[in-house]
Amino acid sequence: MNLVEKFQNSLARTRSGFVEKIDQLMTAGELDDNFYEELEEILISGDVGVETSLKLVKTLRTDAAVQRIRKREDFKVLLINTITELLTADTINFSSSAKPYLILLVGVNGSGKTTTAAKLAGIYRKEGRKVLLVAGDTFRAAAVEQLEVWSERTGADLIKQKAGSDPSALYYDAINAAKSRDTELIIGDTAGRLHNKYNLMEELKKIYRVIDRNLPGAPHQVILVIDATTGQNALVQAKTFNQALPLSGVILTKIDGTARGGIILAIKDNLNIPVLYLGTGETIEDLTPFEAAAFTQALLQ
């Protein structure tokens, strides 16, 4: 299965409503005001968001006029190219220039951070990297147990403390352990926290400061893990976390279980934060690197 086919399978629920409406709109007729109004409605209903939908339609209207596209059936290629360009971003990859290289995963409760940490560890272990998982969700015993299982399956090291321990202290220990073990990559979980809870967000900032103090320049990536089924609330989460920490990217989980795949466009447009991976299933292999052209083709063709 190639990347387009994998995305098509994962976007089945989004495609069933969104693409059908797009195809119906493109069948015949002129590019008049009614066409653009209907397109706005379709984009908004697909959770692209009001602001992004209006901006996208304005761009499409201008480009269609410049390229002298007048027929609806000729418009879809422009739509695909425009969305691909919007979603395209510089790829952020693990860099061996910093050792150990630290990736910190953050997000609200239930977004899938712990599972995502395990899946990332699986990807890098297959590349032969020496990985240390940090069971940073010290408030949830099940999260620690889950990472224990995955560390055994992937061959990644694990550092943990007892439930209720200070997560900042755990990261201090993790960095020292990684240095002593000549570890290449640290992947750190954190406890889920509601983005509107001040004390919990301040604790996250403390974790960030402790990491930076003990491993200057780290965390090298701060990745927000978002449950795609939350729709526009995902954008609110992204904005709040980005204000608290310098986010380097987003991983969208449960994309296969939602009809709200358009949220990807809203996040990229509003924050200019790249989507790095999509969670496309339950197994450890179901974390797919995001590729804008393949995603747009899967969504609209």
C-alpha atoms as a PDB file:
ATOM      1  CA  MET A   1       0.000   0.000   0.000  1.00  0.00           C
ATOM      2  CA  ASN A   2       1.463   3.357  -1.034  1.00  0.00           C
ATOM      3  CA  LEU A   3       1.172   6.570   0.980  1.00  0.00           C
ATOM      4  CA  VAL A   4      -1.828   7.922  -0.973  1.00  0.00           C
ATOM      5  CA  GLU A   5      -3.752   4.677  -0.488  1.00  0.00           C
ATOM      6  CA  LYS A   6      -2.928   4.650   3.224  1.00  0.00           C
ATOM      7  CA  PHE A   7      -4.184   8.212   3.614  1.00  0.00           C
ATOM      8  CA  GLN A   8      -7.313   7.387   1.591  1.00  0.00           C
ATOM      9  CA  ASN A   9      -8.155   4.550   3.965  1.00  0.00           C
ATOM     10  CA  SER A  10      -7.551   6.764   6.980  1.00  0.00           C
ATOM     11  CA  LEU A  11      -9.608   9.628   5.555  1.00  0.00           C
ATOM     12  CA  ALA A  12     -12.588   7.473   4.573  1.00  0.00           C
ATOM     13  CA  ARG A  13     -14.992   9.231   6.944  1.00  0.00           C
ATOM     14  CA  THR A  14     -13.781  12.690   5.943  1.00  0.00           C
ATOM     15  CA  ARG A  15     -13.925  11.821   2.251  1.00  0.00           C
ATOM     16  CA  SER A  16     -17.446  10.372   2.429  1.00  0.00           C
ATOM     17  CA  GLY A  17     -18.972  13.772   3.133  1.00  0.00           C
ATOM     18  CA  PHE A  18     -16.383  16.337   2.138  1.00  0.00           C
ATOM     19  CA  VAL A  19     -15.279  14.929  -1.217  1.00  0.00           C
ATOM     20  CA  GLU A  20     -18.785  14.044  -2.341  1.00  0.00           C
ATOM     21  CA  LYS A  21     -19.880  17.646  -1.797  1.00  0.00           C
ATOM     22  CA  ILE A  22     -16.779  18.975  -3.585  1.00  0.00           C
ATOM     23  CA  ASP A  23     -17.385  16.670  -6.566  1.00  0.00           C
ATOM     24  CA  GLN A  24     -21.027  17.695  -6.785  1.00  0.00           C
ATOM     25  CA  LEU A  25     -20.021  21.352  -6.760  1.00  0.00           C
ATOM     26  CA  MET A  26     -17.462  20.844  -9.538  1.00  0.00           C
ATOM     27  CA  THR A  27     -19.754  19.057 -11.994  1.00  0.00           C
ATOM     28  CA  ALA A  28     -20.850  21.888 -14.297  1.00  0.00           C
ATOM     29  CA  GLY A  29     -21.440  25.595 -14.514  1.00  0.00           C
ATOM     30  CA  GLU A  30     -19.572  28.867 -14.155  1.00  0.00           C
ATOM     31  CA  LEU A  31     -17.383  30.082 -11.301  1.00  0.00           C
ATOM     32  CA  ASP A  32     -19.924  32.597 -10.004  1.00  0.00           C
ATOM     33  CA  ASP A  33     -20.630  34.013  -6.542  1.00  0.00           C
ATOM     34  CA  ASN A  34     -22.923  31.095  -5.701  1.00  0.00           C
ATOM     35  CA  PHE A  35     -20.103  28.653  -6.463  1.00  0.00           C
ATOM     36  CA  TYR A  36     -17.686  30.352  -4.066  1.00  0.00           C
ATOM     37  CA  GLU A  37     -20.326  30.676  -1.351  1.00  0.00           C
ATOM     38  CA  GLU A  38     -21.085  26.953  -1.590  1.00  0.00           C
ATOM     39  CA  LEU A  39     -17.368  26.153  -1.519  1.00  0.00           C
ATOM     40  CA  GLU A  40     -16.980  28.198   1.676  1.00  0.00           C
ATOM     41  CA  GLU A  41     -19.831  26.271   3.286  1.00  0.00           C
ATOM     42  CA  ILE A  42     -18.321  22.916   2.318  1.00  0.00           C
ATOM     43  CA  LEU A  43     -14.905  23.861   3.699  1.00  0.00           C
ATOM     44  CA  ILE A  44     -16.364  25.150   6.958  1.00  0.00           C
ATOM     45  CA  SER A  45     -18.495  22.020   7.372  1.00  0.00           C
ATOM     46  CA  GLY A  46     -15.319  19.947   6.885  1.00  0.00           C
ATOM     47  CA  ASP A  47     -13.777  21.679   9.934  1.00  0.00           C
ATOM     48  CA  VAL A  48     -11.373  23.780   7.910  1.00  0.00           C
ATOM     49  CA  GLY A  49     -12.641  26.667  10.043  1.00  0.00           C
ATOM     50  CA  VAL A  50     -14.274  29.972   9.146  1.00  0.00           C
ATOM     51  CA  GLU A  51     -11.118  32.088   9.029  1.00  0.00           C
ATOM     52  CA  THR A  52      -9.089  29.616   6.972  1.00  0.00           C
ATOM     53  CA  SER A  53     -12.025  28.826   4.665  1.00  0.00           C
ATOM     54  CA  LEU A  54     -12.626  32.501   3.856  1.00  0.00           C
ATOM     55  CA  LYS A  55      -8.919  33.102   3.245  1.00  0.00           C
ATOM     56  CA  LEU A  56      -8.607  29.982   1.090  1.00  0.00           C
ATOM     57  CA  VAL A  57     -11.636  30.857  -1.058  1.00  0.00           C
ATOM     58  CA  LYS A  58     -10.374  34.420  -1.523  1.00  0.00           C
ATOM     59  CA  THR A  59      -7.030  33.079  -2.776  1.00  0.00           C
ATOM     60  CA  LEU A  60      -8.747  30.571  -5.061  1.00  0.00           C
ATOM     61  CA  ARG A  61     -11.018  33.235  -6.518  1.00  0.00           C
ATOM     62  CA  THR A  62      -8.051  35.491  -7.304  1.00  0.00           C
ATOM     63  CA  ASP A  63      -5.931  32.697  -8.785  1.00  0.00           C
ATOM     64  CA  ALA A  64      -8.806  31.400 -10.893  1.00  0.00           C
ATOM     65  CA  ALA A  65      -9.240  34.870 -12.400  1.00  0.00           C
ATOM     66  CA  VAL A  66      -5.493  35.219 -13.087  1.00  0.00           C
ATOM     67  CA  GLN A  67      -5.357  31.764 -14.700  1.00  0.00           C
ATOM     68  CA  ARG A  68      -8.614  32.437 -16.575  1.00  0.00           C
ATOM     69  CA  ILE A  69     -10.332  29.376 -15.162  1.00  0.00           C
ATOM     70  CA  ARG A  70     -14.042  29.832 -15.814  1.00  0.00           C
ATOM     71  CA  LYS A  71     -15.533  26.349 -15.678  1.00  0.00           C
ATOM     72  CA  ARG A  72     -16.182  24.459 -12.457  1.00  0.00           C
ATOM     73  CA  GLU A  73     -14.838  21.200 -13.881  1.00  0.00           C
ATOM     74  CA  ASP A  74     -11.450  22.887 -14.444  1.00  0.00           C
ATOM     75  CA  PHE A  75     -11.287  24.289 -10.920  1.00  0.00           C
ATOM     76  CA  LYS A  76     -10.434  21.144  -8.965  1.00  0.00           C
ATOM     77  CA  VAL A  77      -6.774  21.028 -10.041  1.00  0.00           C
ATOM     78  CA  LEU A  78      -6.354  24.576  -8.732  1.00  0.00           C
ATOM     79  CA  LEU A  79      -7.998  23.564  -5.447  1.00  0.00           C
ATOM     80  CA  ILE A  80      -5.666  20.566  -5.042  1.00  0.00           C
ATOM     81  CA  ASN A  81      -2.558  22.609  -5.826  1.00  0.00           C
ATOM     82  CA  THR A  82      -3.574  25.424  -3.470  1.00  0.00           C
ATOM     83  CA  ILE A  83      -4.268  23.103  -0.527  1.00  0.00           C
ATOM     84  CA  THR A  84      -1.022  21.214  -1.163  1.00  0.00           C
ATOM     85  CA  GLU A  85       0.898  24.487  -1.075  1.00  0.00           C
ATOM     86  CA  LEU A  86      -0.838  25.507   2.157  1.00  0.00           C
ATOM     87  CA  LEU A  87       0.069  22.233   3.872  1.00  0.00           C
ATOM     88  CA  THR A  88       3.641  22.015   2.605  1.00  0.00           C
ATOM     89  CA  ALA A  89       6.261  22.736   5.247  1.00  0.00           C
ATOM     90  CA  ASP A  90       9.906  22.029   5.886  1.00  0.00           C
ATOM     91  CA  THR A  91      10.326  18.507   7.194  1.00  0.00           C
ATOM     92  CA  ILE A  92      11.625  18.255  10.742  1.00  0.00           C
ATOM     93  CA  ASN A  93      13.686  15.143  11.286  1.00  0.00           C
ATOM     94  CA  PHE A  94      15.745  13.720  14.092  1.00  0.00           C
ATOM     95  CA  SER A  95      19.185  15.301  13.891  1.00  0.00           C
ATOM     96  CA  SER A  96      22.255  13.503  15.174  1.00  0.00           C
ATOM     97  CA  SER A  97      24.104  16.818  15.587  1.00  0.00           C
ATOM     98  CA  ALA A  98      22.734  17.064  19.129  1.00  0.00           C
ATOM     99  CA  LYS A  99      23.308  14.092  21.392  1.00  0.00           C
ATOM    100  CA  PRO A 100      21.165  13.168  23.130  1.00  0.00           C
ATOM    101  CA  TYR A 101      18.406  14.657  20.980  1.00  0.00           C
ATOM    102  CA  LEU A 102      15.230  15.230  22.998  1.00  0.00           C
ATOM    103  CA  ILE A 103      11.653  15.166  21.699  1.00  0.00           C
ATOM    104  CA  LEU A 104       8.978  16.294  24.181  1.00  0.00           C
ATOM    105  CA  LEU A 105       5.348  15.319  23.571  1.00  0.00           C
ATOM    106  CA  VAL A 106       2.600  17.530  25.035  1.00  0.00           C
ATOM    107  CA  GLY A 107      -1.177  17.708  24.781  1.00  0.00           C
ATOM    108  CA  VAL A 108      -4.490  17.408  26.576  1.00  0.00           C
ATOM    109  CA  ASN A 109      -5.829  14.306  28.302  1.00  0.00           C
ATOM    110  CA  GLY A 110      -6.692  11.437  25.984  1.00  0.00           C
ATOM    111  CA  SER A 111      -4.955  12.805  22.895  1.00  0.00           C
ATOM    112  CA  GLY A 112      -2.738   9.730  22.546  1.00  0.00           C
ATOM    113  CA  LYS A 113       0.650  11.022  23.724  1.00  0.00           C
ATOM    114  CA  THR A 114       1.788   7.810  25.410  1.00  0.00           C
ATOM    115  CA  THR A 115       0.913   5.625  22.435  1.00  0.00           C
ATOM    116  CA  THR A 116       2.519   8.154  20.098  1.00  0.00           C
ATOM    117  CA  ALA A 117       5.727   8.114  22.148  1.00  0.00           C
ATOM    118  CA  ALA A 118       5.821   4.330  21.764  1.00  0.00           C
ATOM    119  CA  LYS A 119       5.167   4.532  18.016  1.00  0.00           C
ATOM    120  CA  LEU A 120       7.947   7.106  17.550  1.00  0.00           C
ATOM    121  CA  ALA A 121      10.296   4.867  19.525  1.00  0.00           C
ATOM    122  CA  GLY A 122       9.375   1.990  17.215  1.00  0.00           C
ATOM    123  CA  ILE A 123      10.188   4.066  14.125  1.00  0.00           C
ATOM    124  CA  TYR A 124      13.604   5.116  15.383  1.00  0.00           C
ATOM    125  CA  ARG A 125      14.477   1.701  16.797  1.00  0.00           C
ATOM    126  CA  LYS A 126      13.889   0.227  13.316  1.00  0.00           C
ATOM    127  CA  GLU A 127      16.489   2.704  12.081  1.00  0.00           C
ATOM    128  CA  GLY A 128      18.927   1.287  14.626  1.00  0.00           C
ATOM    129  CA  ARG A 129      18.834   4.310  16.940  1.00  0.00           C
ATOM    130  CA  LYS A 130      19.442   3.994  20.655  1.00  0.00           C
ATOM    131  CA  VAL A 131      16.257   5.384  22.234  1.00  0.00           C
ATOM    132  CA  LEU A 132      15.292   6.269  25.799  1.00  0.00           C
ATOM    133  CA  LEU A 133      11.597   6.596  26.602  1.00  0.00           C
ATOM    134  CA  VAL A 134      10.644   8.857  29.521  1.00  0.00           C
ATOM    135  CA  ALA A 135       7.449   7.906  31.369  1.00  0.00           C
ATOM    136  CA  GLY A 136       6.713  11.547  32.102  1.00  0.00           C
ATOM    137  CA  ASP A 137       3.010  11.071  32.819  1.00  0.00           C
ATOM    138  CA  THR A 138       3.720  10.456  36.486  1.00  0.00           C
ATOM    139  CA  PHE A 139       0.101  11.018  37.486  1.00  0.00           C
ATOM    140  CA  ARG A 140      -1.276   8.045  35.565  1.00  0.00           C
ATOM    141  CA  ALA A 141       0.052   4.622  36.509  1.00  0.00           C
ATOM    142  CA  ALA A 142      -1.450   3.080  33.372  1.00  0.00           C
ATOM    143  CA  ALA A 143       0.697   5.353  31.188  1.00  0.00           C
ATOM    144  CA  VAL A 144       3.871   4.098  32.891  1.00  0.00           C
ATOM    145  CA  GLU A 145       2.767   0.488  32.520  1.00  0.00           C
ATOM    146  CA  GLN A 146       1.927   1.083  28.873  1.00  0.00           C
ATOM    147  CA  LEU A 147       5.393   2.460  28.130  1.00  0.00           C
ATOM    148  CA  GLU A 148       6.992  -0.444  30.008  1.00  0.00           C
ATOM    149  CA  VAL A 149       5.293  -2.860  27.616  1.00  0.00           C
ATOM    150  CA  TRP A 150       6.244  -0.837  24.542  1.00  0.00           C
ATOM    151  CA  SER A 151       9.852  -0.387  25.639  1.00  0.00           C
ATOM    152  CA  GLU A 152      10.195  -4.164  25.826  1.00  0.00           C
ATOM    153  CA  ARG A 153       8.591  -4.631  22.406  1.00  0.00           C
ATOM    154  CA  THR A 154      10.683  -1.973  20.674  1.00  0.00           C
ATOM    155  CA  GLY A 155      13.936  -2.492  22.536  1.00  0.00           C
ATOM    156  CA  ALA A 156      13.975   1.099  23.761  1.00  0.00           C
ATOM    157  CA  ASP A 157      15.278   1.926  27.237  1.00  0.00           C
ATOM    158  CA  LEU A 158      12.828   3.344  29.766  1.00  0.00           C
ATOM    159  CA  ILE A 159      13.189   5.654  32.731  1.00  0.00           C
ATOM    160  CA  LYS A 160      10.348   6.050  35.211  1.00  0.00           C
ATOM    161  CA  GLN A 161       9.535   7.007  38.791  1.00  0.00           C
ATOM    162  CA  LYS A 162       6.739   6.090  41.139  1.00  0.00           C
ATOM    163  CA  ALA A 163       3.281   7.595  40.641  1.00  0.00           C
ATOM    164  CA  GLY A 164       2.986  11.180  41.814  1.00  0.00           C
ATOM    165  CA  SER A 165       6.679  11.965  41.373  1.00  0.00           C
ATOM    166  CA  ASP A 166       7.856  15.350  40.137  1.00  0.00           C
ATOM    167  CA  PRO A 167       8.079  15.075  36.323  1.00  0.00           C
ATOM    168  CA  SER A 168      10.763  17.780  36.181  1.00  0.00           C
ATOM    169  CA  ALA A 169      13.000  15.671  38.423  1.00  0.00           C
ATOM    170  CA  LEU A 170      12.321  12.669  36.212  1.00  0.00           C
ATOM    171  CA  TYR A 171      13.540  14.572  33.145  1.00  0.00           C
ATOM    172  CA  TYR A 172      16.653  15.642  35.046  1.00  0.00           C
ATOM    173  CA  ASP A 173      17.368  11.962  35.745  1.00  0.00           C
ATOM    174  CA  ALA A 174      16.515  10.970  32.171  1.00  0.00           C
ATOM    175  CA  ILE A 175      19.031  13.398  30.670  1.00  0.00           C
ATOM    176  CA  ASN A 176      21.791  12.157  32.988  1.00  0.00           C
ATOM    177  CA  ALA A 177      20.912   8.546  32.175  1.00  0.00           C
ATOM    178  CA  ALA A 178      20.949   9.249  28.442  1.00  0.00           C
ATOM    179  CA  LYS A 179      24.373  10.860  28.671  1.00  0.00           C
ATOM    180  CA  SER A 180      25.827   7.985  30.658  1.00  0.00           C
ATOM    181  CA  ARG A 181      24.360   5.380  28.288  1.00  0.00           C
ATOM    182  CA  ASP A 182      25.440   7.219  25.130  1.00  0.00           C
ATOM    183  CA  THR A 183      21.789   7.421  24.054  1.00  0.00           C
ATOM    184  CA  GLU A 184      21.045   9.121  20.743  1.00  0.00           C
ATOM    185  CA  LEU A 185      17.398  10.010  21.240  1.00  0.00           C
ATOM    186  CA  ILE A 186      15.133  10.780  24.212  1.00  0.00           C
ATOM    187  CA  ILE A 187      11.372  10.637  23.612  1.00  0.00           C
ATOM    188  CA  GLY A 188       9.463  12.113  26.523  1.00  0.00           C
ATOM    189  CA  ASP A 189       5.834  11.648  27.474  1.00  0.00           C
ATOM    190  CA  THR A 190       4.020  14.185  29.674  1.00  0.00           C
ATOM    191  CA  ALA A 191       0.800  14.118  31.640  1.00  0.00           C
ATOM    192  CA  GLY A 192      -2.289  15.265  29.791  1.00  0.00           C
ATOM    193  CA  ARG A 193      -3.367  18.730  30.814  1.00  0.00           C
ATOM    194  CA  LEU A 194      -6.288  20.901  29.850  1.00  0.00           C
ATOM    195  CA  HIS A 195      -4.987  23.869  27.907  1.00  0.00           C
ATOM    196  CA  ASN A 196      -7.040  26.294  30.025  1.00  0.00           C
ATOM    197  CA  LYS A 197      -5.636  25.169  33.403  1.00  0.00           C
ATOM    198  CA  TYR A 198      -3.011  27.716  34.435  1.00  0.00           C
ATOM    199  CA  ASN A 199      -1.179  25.639  37.071  1.00  0.00           C
ATOM    200  CA  LEU A 200      -0.798  22.635  34.785  1.00  0.00           C
ATOM    201  CA  MET A 201       0.548  24.761  31.945  1.00  0.00           C
ATOM    202  CA  GLU A 202       3.021  26.383  34.362  1.00  0.00           C
ATOM    203  CA  GLU A 203       4.217  22.915  35.370  1.00  0.00           C
ATOM    204  CA  LEU A 204       4.841  22.164  31.704  1.00  0.00           C
ATOM    205  CA  LYS A 205       6.920  25.328  31.420  1.00  0.00           C
ATOM    206  CA  LYS A 206       8.931  24.141  34.437  1.00  0.00           C
ATOM    207  CA  ILE A 207       9.659  20.816  32.719  1.00  0.00           C
ATOM    208  CA  TYR A 208      10.843  22.769  29.680  1.00  0.00           C
ATOM    209  CA  ARG A 209      13.156  24.966  31.804  1.00  0.00           C
ATOM    210  CA  VAL A 210      14.664  21.977  33.631  1.00  0.00           C
ATOM    211  CA  ILE A 211      15.358  20.223  30.333  1.00  0.00           C
ATOM    212  CA  ASP A 212      16.977  23.322  28.829  1.00  0.00           C
ATOM    213  CA  ARG A 213      19.102  23.932  31.923  1.00  0.00           C
ATOM    214  CA  ASN A 214      20.477  20.390  31.972  1.00  0.00           C
ATOM    215  CA  LEU A 215      20.678  19.867  28.216  1.00  0.00           C
ATOM    216  CA  PRO A 216      21.229  23.312  26.629  1.00  0.00           C
ATOM    217  CA  GLY A 217      19.236  23.766  23.450  1.00  0.00           C
ATOM    218  CA  ALA A 218      16.766  21.038  24.385  1.00  0.00           C
ATOM    219  CA  PRO A 219      14.037  20.070  23.967  1.00  0.00           C
ATOM    220  CA  HIS A 220      15.006  19.989  20.320  1.00  0.00           C
ATOM    221  CA  GLN A 221      11.399  19.342  19.331  1.00  0.00           C
ATOM    222  CA  VAL A 222       8.203  20.108  21.261  1.00  0.00           C
ATOM    223  CA  ILE A 223       5.413  18.229  19.504  1.00  0.00           C
ATOM    224  CA  LEU A 224       1.748  18.758  20.264  1.00  0.00           C
ATOM    225  CA  VAL A 225      -0.299  15.562  20.042  1.00  0.00           C
ATOM    226  CA  ILE A 226      -3.913  16.293  19.095  1.00  0.00           C
ATOM    227  CA  ASP A 227      -6.960  14.057  18.840  1.00  0.00           C
ATOM    228  CA  ALA A 228      -8.335  14.869  15.363  1.00  0.00           C
ATOM    229  CA  THR A 229     -11.873  13.947  16.441  1.00  0.00           C
ATOM    230  CA  THR A 230     -12.064  17.111  18.569  1.00  0.00           C
ATOM    231  CA  GLY A 231     -12.427  19.274  15.460  1.00  0.00           C
ATOM    232  CA  GLN A 232     -12.140  23.035  15.976  1.00  0.00           C
ATOM    233  CA  ASN A 233     -11.278  22.550  19.650  1.00  0.00           C
ATOM    234  CA  ALA A 234      -7.984  21.146  18.393  1.00  0.00           C
ATOM    235  CA  LEU A 235      -7.145  24.577  17.001  1.00  0.00           C
ATOM    236  CA  VAL A 236      -7.867  26.199  20.371  1.00  0.00           C
ATOM    237  CA  GLN A 237      -5.560  23.666  22.031  1.00  0.00           C
ATOM    238  CA  ALA A 238      -2.808  24.320  19.502  1.00  0.00           C
ATOM    239  CA  LYS A 239      -2.986  28.080  19.995  1.00  0.00           C
ATOM    240  CA  THR A 240      -2.799  27.805  23.792  1.00  0.00           C
ATOM    241  CA  PHE A 241       0.056  25.300  23.884  1.00  0.00           C
ATOM    242  CA  ASN A 242       1.953  27.341  21.301  1.00  0.00           C
ATOM    243  CA  GLN A 243       1.710  30.366  23.596  1.00  0.00           C
ATOM    244  CA  ALA A 244       3.129  28.352  26.496  1.00  0.00           C
ATOM    245  CA  LEU A 245       5.908  26.532  24.623  1.00  0.00           C
ATOM    246  CA  PRO A 246       7.605  26.921  21.237  1.00  0.00           C
ATOM    247  CA  LEU A 247       5.890  24.130  19.339  1.00  0.00           C
ATOM    248  CA  SER A 248       7.880  22.647  16.478  1.00  0.00           C
ATOM    249  CA  GLY A 249       5.156  20.437  15.060  1.00  0.00           C
ATOM    250  CA  VAL A 250       1.872  18.618  15.465  1.00  0.00           C
ATOM    251  CA  ILE A 251       0.908  14.950  15.407  1.00  0.00           C
ATOM    252  CA  LEU A 252      -2.777  14.306  14.718  1.00  0.00           C
ATOM    253  CA  THR A 253      -4.076  11.034  16.152  1.00  0.00           C
ATOM    254  CA  LYS A 254      -7.296   9.127  15.396  1.00  0.00           C
ATOM    255  CA  ILE A 255      -7.520  10.658  11.932  1.00  0.00           C
ATOM    256  CA  ASP A 256      -9.105   7.400  10.796  1.00  0.00           C
ATOM    257  CA  GLY A 257     -11.983   7.846  13.236  1.00  0.00           C
ATOM    258  CA  THR A 258     -13.179  11.314  12.260  1.00  0.00           C
ATOM    259  CA  ALA A 259     -14.961  13.196   9.501  1.00  0.00           C
ATOM    260  CA  ARG A 260     -13.069  16.344  10.595  1.00  0.00           C
ATOM    261  CA  GLY A 261      -9.848  15.937   8.634  1.00  0.00           C
ATOM    262  CA  GLY A 262     -10.041  19.551   7.496  1.00  0.00           C
ATOM    263  CA  ILE A 263      -8.697  20.665  10.892  1.00  0.00           C
ATOM    264  CA  ILE A 264      -5.217  20.027   9.489  1.00  0.00           C
ATOM    265  CA  LEU A 265      -5.616  23.028   7.189  1.00  0.00           C
ATOM    266  CA  ALA A 266      -6.823  25.265  10.025  1.00  0.00           C
ATOM    267  CA  ILE A 267      -3.864  24.431  12.277  1.00  0.00           C
ATOM    268  CA  LYS A 268      -1.268  24.929   9.546  1.00  0.00           C
ATOM    269  CA  ASP A 269      -2.863  28.168   8.328  1.00  0.00           C
ATOM    270  CA  ASN A 270      -3.350  29.749  11.754  1.00  0.00           C
ATOM    271  CA  LEU A 271      -0.083  28.788  13.425  1.00  0.00           C
ATOM    272  CA  ASN A 272       2.217  27.803  10.563  1.00  0.00           C
ATOM    273  CA  ILE A 273       3.180  24.710  12.543  1.00  0.00           C
ATOM    274  CA  PRO A 274       3.887  21.663  10.371  1.00  0.00           C
ATOM    275  CA  VAL A 275       1.918  18.460  10.702  1.00  0.00           C
ATOM    276  CA  LEU A 276       4.615  15.812  11.200  1.00  0.00           C
ATOM    277  CA  TYR A 277       2.686  12.539  11.500  1.00  0.00           C
ATOM    278  CA  LEU A 278      -0.841  11.182  11.340  1.00  0.00           C
ATOM    279  CA  GLY A 279      -2.031   8.460  13.680  1.00  0.00           C
ATOM    280  CA  THR A 280      -3.833   6.119  11.318  1.00  0.00           C
ATOM    281  CA  GLY A 281      -4.643   3.118  13.525  1.00  0.00           C
ATOM    282  CA  GLU A 282      -3.971   1.229  16.732  1.00  0.00           C
ATOM    283  CA  THR A 283      -0.814  -0.761  15.969  1.00  0.00           C
ATOM    284  CA  ILE A 284       2.721   0.492  16.486  1.00  0.00           C
ATOM    285  CA  GLU A 285       3.156   0.792  12.712  1.00  0.00           C
ATOM    286  CA  ASP A 286       0.174   3.133  12.428  1.00  0.00           C
ATOM    287  CA  LEU A 287       2.050   6.415  12.681  1.00  0.00           C
ATOM    288  CA  THR A 288       2.467   7.765   9.173  1.00  0.00           C
ATOM    289  CA  PRO A 289       4.820  10.622   8.204  1.00  0.00           C
ATOM    290  CA  PHE A 290       2.752  13.483   6.823  1.00  0.00           C
ATOM    291  CA  GLU A 291       3.290  14.390   3.175  1.00  0.00           C
ATOM    292  CA  ALA A 292       1.233  17.294   1.839  1.00  0.00           C
ATOM    293  CA  ALA A 293       0.857  16.219  -1.797  1.00  0.00           C
ATOM    294  CA  ALA A 294      -0.109  12.642  -0.922  1.00  0.00           C
ATOM    295  CA  PHE A 295      -2.542  13.823   1.751  1.00  0.00           C
ATOM    296  CA  THR A 296      -4.276  16.308  -0.574  1.00  0.00           C
ATOM    297  CA  GLN A 297      -4.475  13.757  -3.382  1.00  0.00           C
ATOM    298  CA  ALA A 298      -5.971  11.214  -0.976  1.00  0.00           C
ATOM    299  CA  LEU A 299      -8.445  13.763   0.327  1.00  0.00           C
ATOM    300  CA  LEU A 300      -9.701  15.209  -2.956  1.00  0.00           C
ATOM    301  CA  GLN A 301      -9.168  12.625  -5.707  1.00  0.00           C
END
